[in-house]
Amino acid sequence: MQEKVNHQSNVDRFLGFQELYDAHRPAAPQKVMELLTLYLGKKPELVVDVGCGTGLSTFLWDGGADRVIGFEPNPDMRLKAEEKLRDMEPRGTVFSFCAGYSNDLGLADGEADMITCSQAFHWMEPISTLKEFGRVLAPGGVFGAYDCDWPPCIGWEAEQAYGRLIAKAIEILNRLVPSEEAVKQLDKSEHLARMKKSGVFRFVKEIVFHNEERCDADRIIGMAMSQGGVQSVIKLGAADELREELEQFRKTTEESLCGETRLVLLSYRLRLGVK
């Protein structure tokens, strides 16, 4: 295992709030499965979902693949995914979850038709990860890294308040966390360039699309609370320093949604590569 390039701080950031994360984060859109299957050209026999968290992206493939393995190094997130699996009846798809890092999957060469990373590739060391993905993918196999833009479309005042909340959380963390213990996060806008540079893929493309989630104000506020930076501040015991920004975000979000449950638009960016 290539521990020297796997940052434990990235894994630990999501310890302890798997319930909040699973309850409020958006599930992976159906469009992701449709697009990746289109570029693969067939129903995948094995999908490997790396950084799968609580399974929000893994269970997307129920009925759309023969077998799906979710890899997740965070034990709290992985245990939540396994709990959900025990409560469901899969539609012909065999699911399993494993502890593991993106650059050491432990699978055979060419074993996977597809590898996916939902809201996760930016936490991974890119060079060793893409090399490992290239090894595990079959010829013609597809890798897809996809993320939604934060926040959802809820109105400019609430979105501005969200930005201030996240900026304040970053400011607090920069002050309280030594640089050697801080998380290491890639710039998502450079994912496609990294995929091209890796030499693994014969074809790469970025696809932008939108999805709708049914949300009330509590769901939107929960999405904000599920952000790793906000949770890190809370775990450090510095929540009071976020109080003003959080209350302003709560207030503007409630005013924007007027007590209603609405279909709220989220924008997605899918970077895919064909081996």
Protein backbone atom coordinates (compact mmCIF):
# COMPACT_ATOMS: atom_id res chain seq x y z
CA MET A 1 0.00 0.00 0.00
CA GLN A 2 1.32 3.41 -0.94
CA GLU A 3 0.72 5.04 2.43
CA LYS A 4 3.14 7.89 1.75
CA VAL A 5 0.66 9.47 -0.67
CA ASN A 6 -2.55 8.69 1.23
CA HIS A 7 -3.33 11.47 3.69
CA GLN A 8 -5.04 10.21 6.84
CA SER A 9 -6.35 13.72 7.47
CA ASN A 10 -8.49 13.39 4.33
CA VAL A 11 -10.01 10.17 5.64
CA ASP A 12 -10.51 11.42 9.20
CA ARG A 13 -12.30 14.56 8.06
CA PHE A 14 -15.49 12.55 7.53
CA LEU A 15 -15.42 10.55 10.76
CA GLY A 16 -18.48 10.74 12.96
CA PHE A 17 -21.09 12.42 10.78
CA GLN A 18 -22.16 9.65 8.42
CA GLU A 19 -25.82 9.97 9.46
CA LEU A 20 -25.97 13.69 8.66
CA TYR A 21 -24.07 13.13 5.41
CA ASP A 22 -26.33 10.31 4.26
CA ALA A 23 -29.54 12.11 5.19
CA HIS A 24 -28.83 15.36 3.37
CA ARG A 25 -26.34 14.85 0.56
CA PRO A 26 -27.81 14.37 -2.93
CA ALA A 27 -27.87 10.83 -4.28
CA ALA A 28 -25.97 10.17 -7.49
CA PRO A 29 -28.13 11.15 -10.50
CA GLN A 30 -29.47 8.50 -12.86
CA LYS A 31 -27.91 10.48 -15.70
CA VAL A 32 -24.44 9.45 -14.49
CA MET A 33 -25.22 5.77 -15.02
CA GLU A 34 -26.79 6.48 -18.40
CA LEU A 35 -23.79 8.48 -19.65
CA LEU A 36 -21.08 6.14 -18.39
CA THR A 37 -22.91 3.10 -19.77
CA LEU A 38 -23.24 4.88 -23.12
CA TYR A 39 -19.48 5.38 -23.36
CA LEU A 40 -18.77 1.82 -22.19
CA GLY A 41 -21.14 0.49 -24.83
CA LYS A 42 -22.65 -2.26 -22.71
CA LYS A 43 -24.01 -3.09 -19.29
CA PRO A 44 -20.97 -3.27 -16.99
CA GLU A 45 -20.14 -6.56 -15.34
CA LEU A 46 -18.12 -4.89 -12.57
CA VAL A 47 -18.31 -1.28 -11.40
CA VAL A 48 -15.77 -0.14 -8.81
CA ASP A 49 -17.00 2.90 -6.86
CA VAL A 50 -13.96 4.46 -5.16
CA GLY A 51 -14.48 6.80 -2.22
CA CYS A 52 -18.05 5.54 -2.06
CA GLY A 53 -18.90 7.07 1.32
CA THR A 54 -22.28 5.89 2.60
CA GLY A 55 -23.19 4.28 -0.73
CA LEU A 56 -25.12 7.21 -2.21
CA SER A 57 -23.18 6.69 -5.45
CA THR A 58 -22.85 2.90 -5.18
CA PHE A 59 -26.53 2.00 -5.03
CA LEU A 60 -27.15 4.07 -8.17
CA TRP A 61 -26.03 0.95 -10.05
CA ASP A 62 -28.74 -1.32 -8.66
CA GLY A 63 -30.00 -3.16 -11.74
CA GLY A 64 -27.50 -1.37 -13.96
CA ALA A 65 -24.47 -3.60 -13.37
CA ASP A 66 -23.88 -7.25 -12.51
CA ARG A 67 -21.56 -6.50 -9.60
CA VAL A 68 -20.50 -3.36 -7.73
CA ILE A 69 -17.68 -2.96 -5.21
CA GLY A 70 -17.57 0.18 -3.09
CA PHE A 71 -14.16 1.15 -1.69
CA GLU A 72 -14.12 3.49 1.30
CA PRO A 73 -11.26 4.00 3.80
CA ASN A 74 -13.43 5.83 6.34
CA PRO A 75 -14.93 3.18 8.67
CA ASP A 76 -17.94 5.24 9.74
CA MET A 77 -19.01 5.94 6.17
CA ARG A 78 -18.41 2.35 5.08
CA LEU A 79 -20.37 0.87 7.98
CA LYS A 80 -23.33 3.11 7.08
CA ALA A 81 -23.21 1.79 3.50
CA GLU A 82 -23.14 -1.79 4.76
CA GLU A 83 -26.08 -1.06 7.06
CA LYS A 84 -28.11 0.26 4.11
CA LEU A 85 -27.22 -2.80 2.05
CA ARG A 86 -28.61 -5.10 4.75
CA ASP A 87 -31.95 -3.26 4.53
CA MET A 88 -32.35 -3.39 0.75
CA GLU A 89 -33.28 -6.03 -1.80
CA PRO A 90 -31.01 -5.53 -4.83
CA ARG A 91 -32.50 -5.93 -8.29
CA GLY A 92 -30.04 -8.53 -9.56
CA THR A 93 -26.89 -6.59 -8.69
CA VAL A 94 -24.37 -7.99 -6.20
CA PHE A 95 -22.98 -5.28 -3.90
CA SER A 96 -20.02 -5.40 -1.54
CA PHE A 97 -17.94 -2.84 0.36
CA CYS A 98 -14.24 -2.86 1.17
CA ALA A 99 -11.76 -0.77 3.10
CA GLY A 100 -9.13 0.50 0.73
CA TYR A 101 -7.34 3.36 -0.92
CA SER A 102 -7.72 4.53 -4.50
CA ASN A 103 -4.11 3.69 -5.38
CA ASP A 104 -4.18 0.15 -3.96
CA LEU A 105 -7.45 -1.54 -4.90
CA GLY A 106 -6.17 -5.10 -4.72
CA LEU A 107 -8.10 -6.16 -7.83
CA ALA A 108 -6.76 -8.10 -10.78
CA ASP A 109 -5.42 -6.40 -13.91
CA GLY A 110 -8.28 -5.53 -16.27
CA GLU A 111 -10.93 -6.78 -13.85
CA ALA A 112 -13.27 -3.76 -13.91
CA ASP A 113 -15.41 -2.40 -16.72
CA MET A 114 -15.92 0.88 -14.91
CA ILE A 115 -14.46 2.93 -12.06
CA THR A 116 -16.35 5.85 -10.56
CA CYS A 117 -15.55 8.60 -8.06
CA SER A 118 -18.48 10.65 -6.83
CA GLN A 119 -17.53 13.83 -4.96
CA ALA A 120 -14.29 12.06 -4.09
CA PHE A 121 -11.51 12.26 -6.70
CA HIS A 122 -10.27 15.58 -5.30
CA TRP A 123 -9.27 13.79 -2.06
CA MET A 124 -7.02 11.28 -3.86
CA GLU A 125 -3.36 11.42 -4.85
CA PRO A 126 -3.86 11.69 -8.62
CA ILE A 127 -0.72 10.17 -10.15
CA SER A 128 -0.72 6.86 -8.27
CA THR A 129 -4.52 6.71 -8.33
CA LEU A 130 -4.83 7.06 -12.10
CA LYS A 131 -2.02 4.55 -12.60
CA GLU A 132 -3.95 2.06 -10.45
CA PHE A 133 -7.21 2.80 -12.27
CA GLY A 134 -5.44 2.15 -15.57
CA ARG A 135 -4.22 -1.20 -14.29
CA VAL A 136 -7.61 -2.32 -12.99
CA LEU A 137 -9.72 -1.16 -15.95
CA ALA A 138 -10.27 -3.54 -18.85
CA PRO A 139 -9.45 -2.29 -22.38
CA GLY A 140 -12.30 0.01 -23.35
CA GLY A 141 -13.22 0.46 -19.69
CA VAL A 142 -14.49 3.81 -18.46
CA PHE A 143 -13.49 6.02 -15.53
CA GLY A 144 -15.89 8.71 -14.40
CA ALA A 145 -15.24 11.40 -11.76
CA TYR A 146 -18.30 13.53 -11.07
CA ASP A 147 -19.14 16.35 -8.70
CA CYS A 148 -21.99 18.75 -8.13
CA ASP A 149 -21.49 22.48 -7.73
CA TRP A 150 -22.18 23.88 -4.27
CA PRO A 151 -24.55 25.34 -3.28
CA PRO A 152 -27.72 24.31 -5.15
CA CYS A 153 -29.74 26.98 -6.95
CA ILE A 154 -31.71 28.54 -4.08
CA GLY A 155 -31.46 32.28 -4.72
CA TRP A 156 -28.58 34.72 -4.68
CA GLU A 157 -28.87 35.86 -1.06
CA ALA A 158 -28.88 32.34 0.35
CA GLU A 159 -26.09 31.29 -2.01
CA GLN A 160 -24.02 34.31 -0.99
CA ALA A 161 -24.58 33.43 2.68
CA TYR A 162 -23.46 29.86 1.93
CA GLY A 163 -20.24 31.19 0.43
CA ARG A 164 -19.58 33.27 3.54
CA LEU A 165 -20.20 30.25 5.77
CA ILE A 166 -17.72 28.08 3.88
CA ALA A 167 -15.14 30.87 3.69
CA LYS A 168 -15.39 31.40 7.45
CA ALA A 169 -14.92 27.68 8.08
CA ILE A 170 -11.79 27.68 5.92
CA GLU A 171 -10.47 30.74 7.75
CA ILE A 172 -10.94 29.04 11.12
CA LEU A 173 -9.30 25.81 9.98
CA ASN A 174 -6.32 27.64 8.51
CA ARG A 175 -5.79 29.25 11.90
CA LEU A 176 -6.36 26.23 14.11
CA VAL A 177 -4.95 23.30 12.13
CA PRO A 178 -1.18 23.00 11.53
CA SER A 179 -0.34 22.79 7.83
CA GLU A 180 1.09 19.29 8.17
CA GLU A 181 -2.24 18.08 9.60
CA ALA A 182 -4.49 19.90 7.13
CA VAL A 183 -6.45 18.08 4.45
CA LYS A 184 -4.94 17.89 0.97
CA GLN A 185 -7.56 18.72 -1.66
CA LEU A 186 -7.17 18.90 -5.45
CA ASP A 187 -8.64 21.62 -7.64
CA LYS A 188 -11.60 19.90 -9.30
CA SER A 189 -11.31 22.11 -12.38
CA GLU A 190 -8.02 20.36 -13.19
CA HIS A 191 -9.39 16.80 -13.12
CA LEU A 192 -9.65 16.54 -16.90
CA ALA A 193 -6.10 17.82 -17.41
CA ARG A 194 -4.79 15.26 -14.94
CA MET A 195 -6.63 12.48 -16.74
CA LYS A 196 -5.16 13.57 -20.08
CA LYS A 197 -1.66 13.81 -18.64
CA SER A 198 -1.84 10.35 -17.09
CA GLY A 199 -1.64 8.63 -20.49
CA VAL A 200 -4.16 6.04 -19.30
CA PHE A 201 -7.04 7.07 -21.53
CA ARG A 202 -7.47 7.15 -25.31
CA PHE A 203 -10.42 9.55 -24.98
CA VAL A 204 -11.39 12.06 -22.30
CA LYS A 205 -14.35 14.39 -22.08
CA GLU A 206 -16.14 16.70 -19.66
CA ILE A 207 -19.94 16.64 -19.64
CA VAL A 208 -22.03 19.22 -17.80
CA PHE A 209 -25.63 18.45 -16.87
CA HIS A 210 -28.22 19.28 -14.22
CA ASN A 211 -30.27 17.29 -11.76
CA GLU A 212 -33.16 18.18 -9.46
CA GLU A 213 -33.52 17.23 -5.80
CA ARG A 214 -36.65 17.71 -3.73
CA CYS A 215 -35.59 19.99 -0.88
CA ASP A 216 -37.00 22.06 1.93
CA ALA A 217 -34.95 24.55 3.94
CA ASP A 218 -33.87 21.91 6.46
CA ARG A 219 -32.47 19.72 3.67
CA ILE A 220 -30.49 22.62 2.19
CA ILE A 221 -29.16 23.60 5.61
CA GLY A 222 -28.25 19.96 6.21
CA MET A 223 -26.27 19.92 2.96
CA ALA A 224 -24.26 22.88 4.22
CA MET A 225 -23.73 21.24 7.61
CA SER A 226 -22.49 18.08 5.84
CA GLN A 227 -19.58 19.93 4.25
CA GLY A 228 -16.28 18.65 5.60
CA GLY A 229 -14.97 22.10 6.51
CA VAL A 230 -18.00 22.93 8.64
CA GLN A 231 -17.86 19.57 10.40
CA SER A 232 -14.14 19.95 11.02
CA VAL A 233 -14.73 23.28 12.76
CA ILE A 234 -17.43 21.71 14.93
CA LYS A 235 -15.16 18.78 15.86
CA LEU A 236 -12.45 21.25 16.87
CA GLY A 237 -14.88 22.83 19.32
CA ALA A 238 -14.97 26.13 17.42
CA ALA A 239 -18.63 26.06 16.36
CA ASP A 240 -19.34 29.36 18.12
CA GLU A 241 -17.04 31.08 15.64
CA LEU A 242 -19.37 29.95 12.84
CA ARG A 243 -22.58 30.93 14.61
CA GLU A 244 -23.16 34.28 12.87
CA GLU A 245 -22.54 32.92 9.35
CA LEU A 246 -24.61 29.80 9.98
CA GLU A 247 -27.57 31.77 11.33
CA GLN A 248 -27.47 34.12 8.35
CA PHE A 249 -27.41 31.16 5.96
CA ARG A 250 -30.29 29.53 7.82
CA LYS A 251 -32.34 32.73 7.75
CA THR A 252 -31.84 33.48 4.04
CA THR A 253 -32.46 29.86 3.06
CA GLU A 254 -35.75 29.74 4.97
CA GLU A 255 -36.81 33.04 3.41
CA SER A 256 -35.87 31.80 -0.06
CA LEU A 257 -37.90 28.59 0.16
CA CYS A 258 -40.84 30.21 2.02
CA GLY A 259 -41.56 27.07 4.00
CA GLU A 260 -42.05 25.02 0.83
CA THR A 261 -40.54 21.82 -0.49
CA ARG A 262 -39.28 22.42 -4.03
CA LEU A 263 -37.38 20.78 -6.84
CA VAL A 264 -33.98 22.44 -6.52
CA LEU A 265 -31.44 22.45 -9.35
CA LEU A 266 -27.89 21.14 -8.90
CA SER A 267 -25.29 21.42 -11.64
CA TYR A 268 -22.97 18.45 -12.23
CA ARG A 269 -19.63 18.04 -13.99
CA LEU A 270 -18.66 14.56 -15.17
CA ARG A 271 -15.10 13.99 -16.33
CA LEU A 272 -14.84 10.65 -18.10
CA GLY A 273 -12.04 8.73 -19.69
CA VAL A 274 -12.07 5.65 -21.93
CA LYS A 275 -9.06 3.35 -21.60
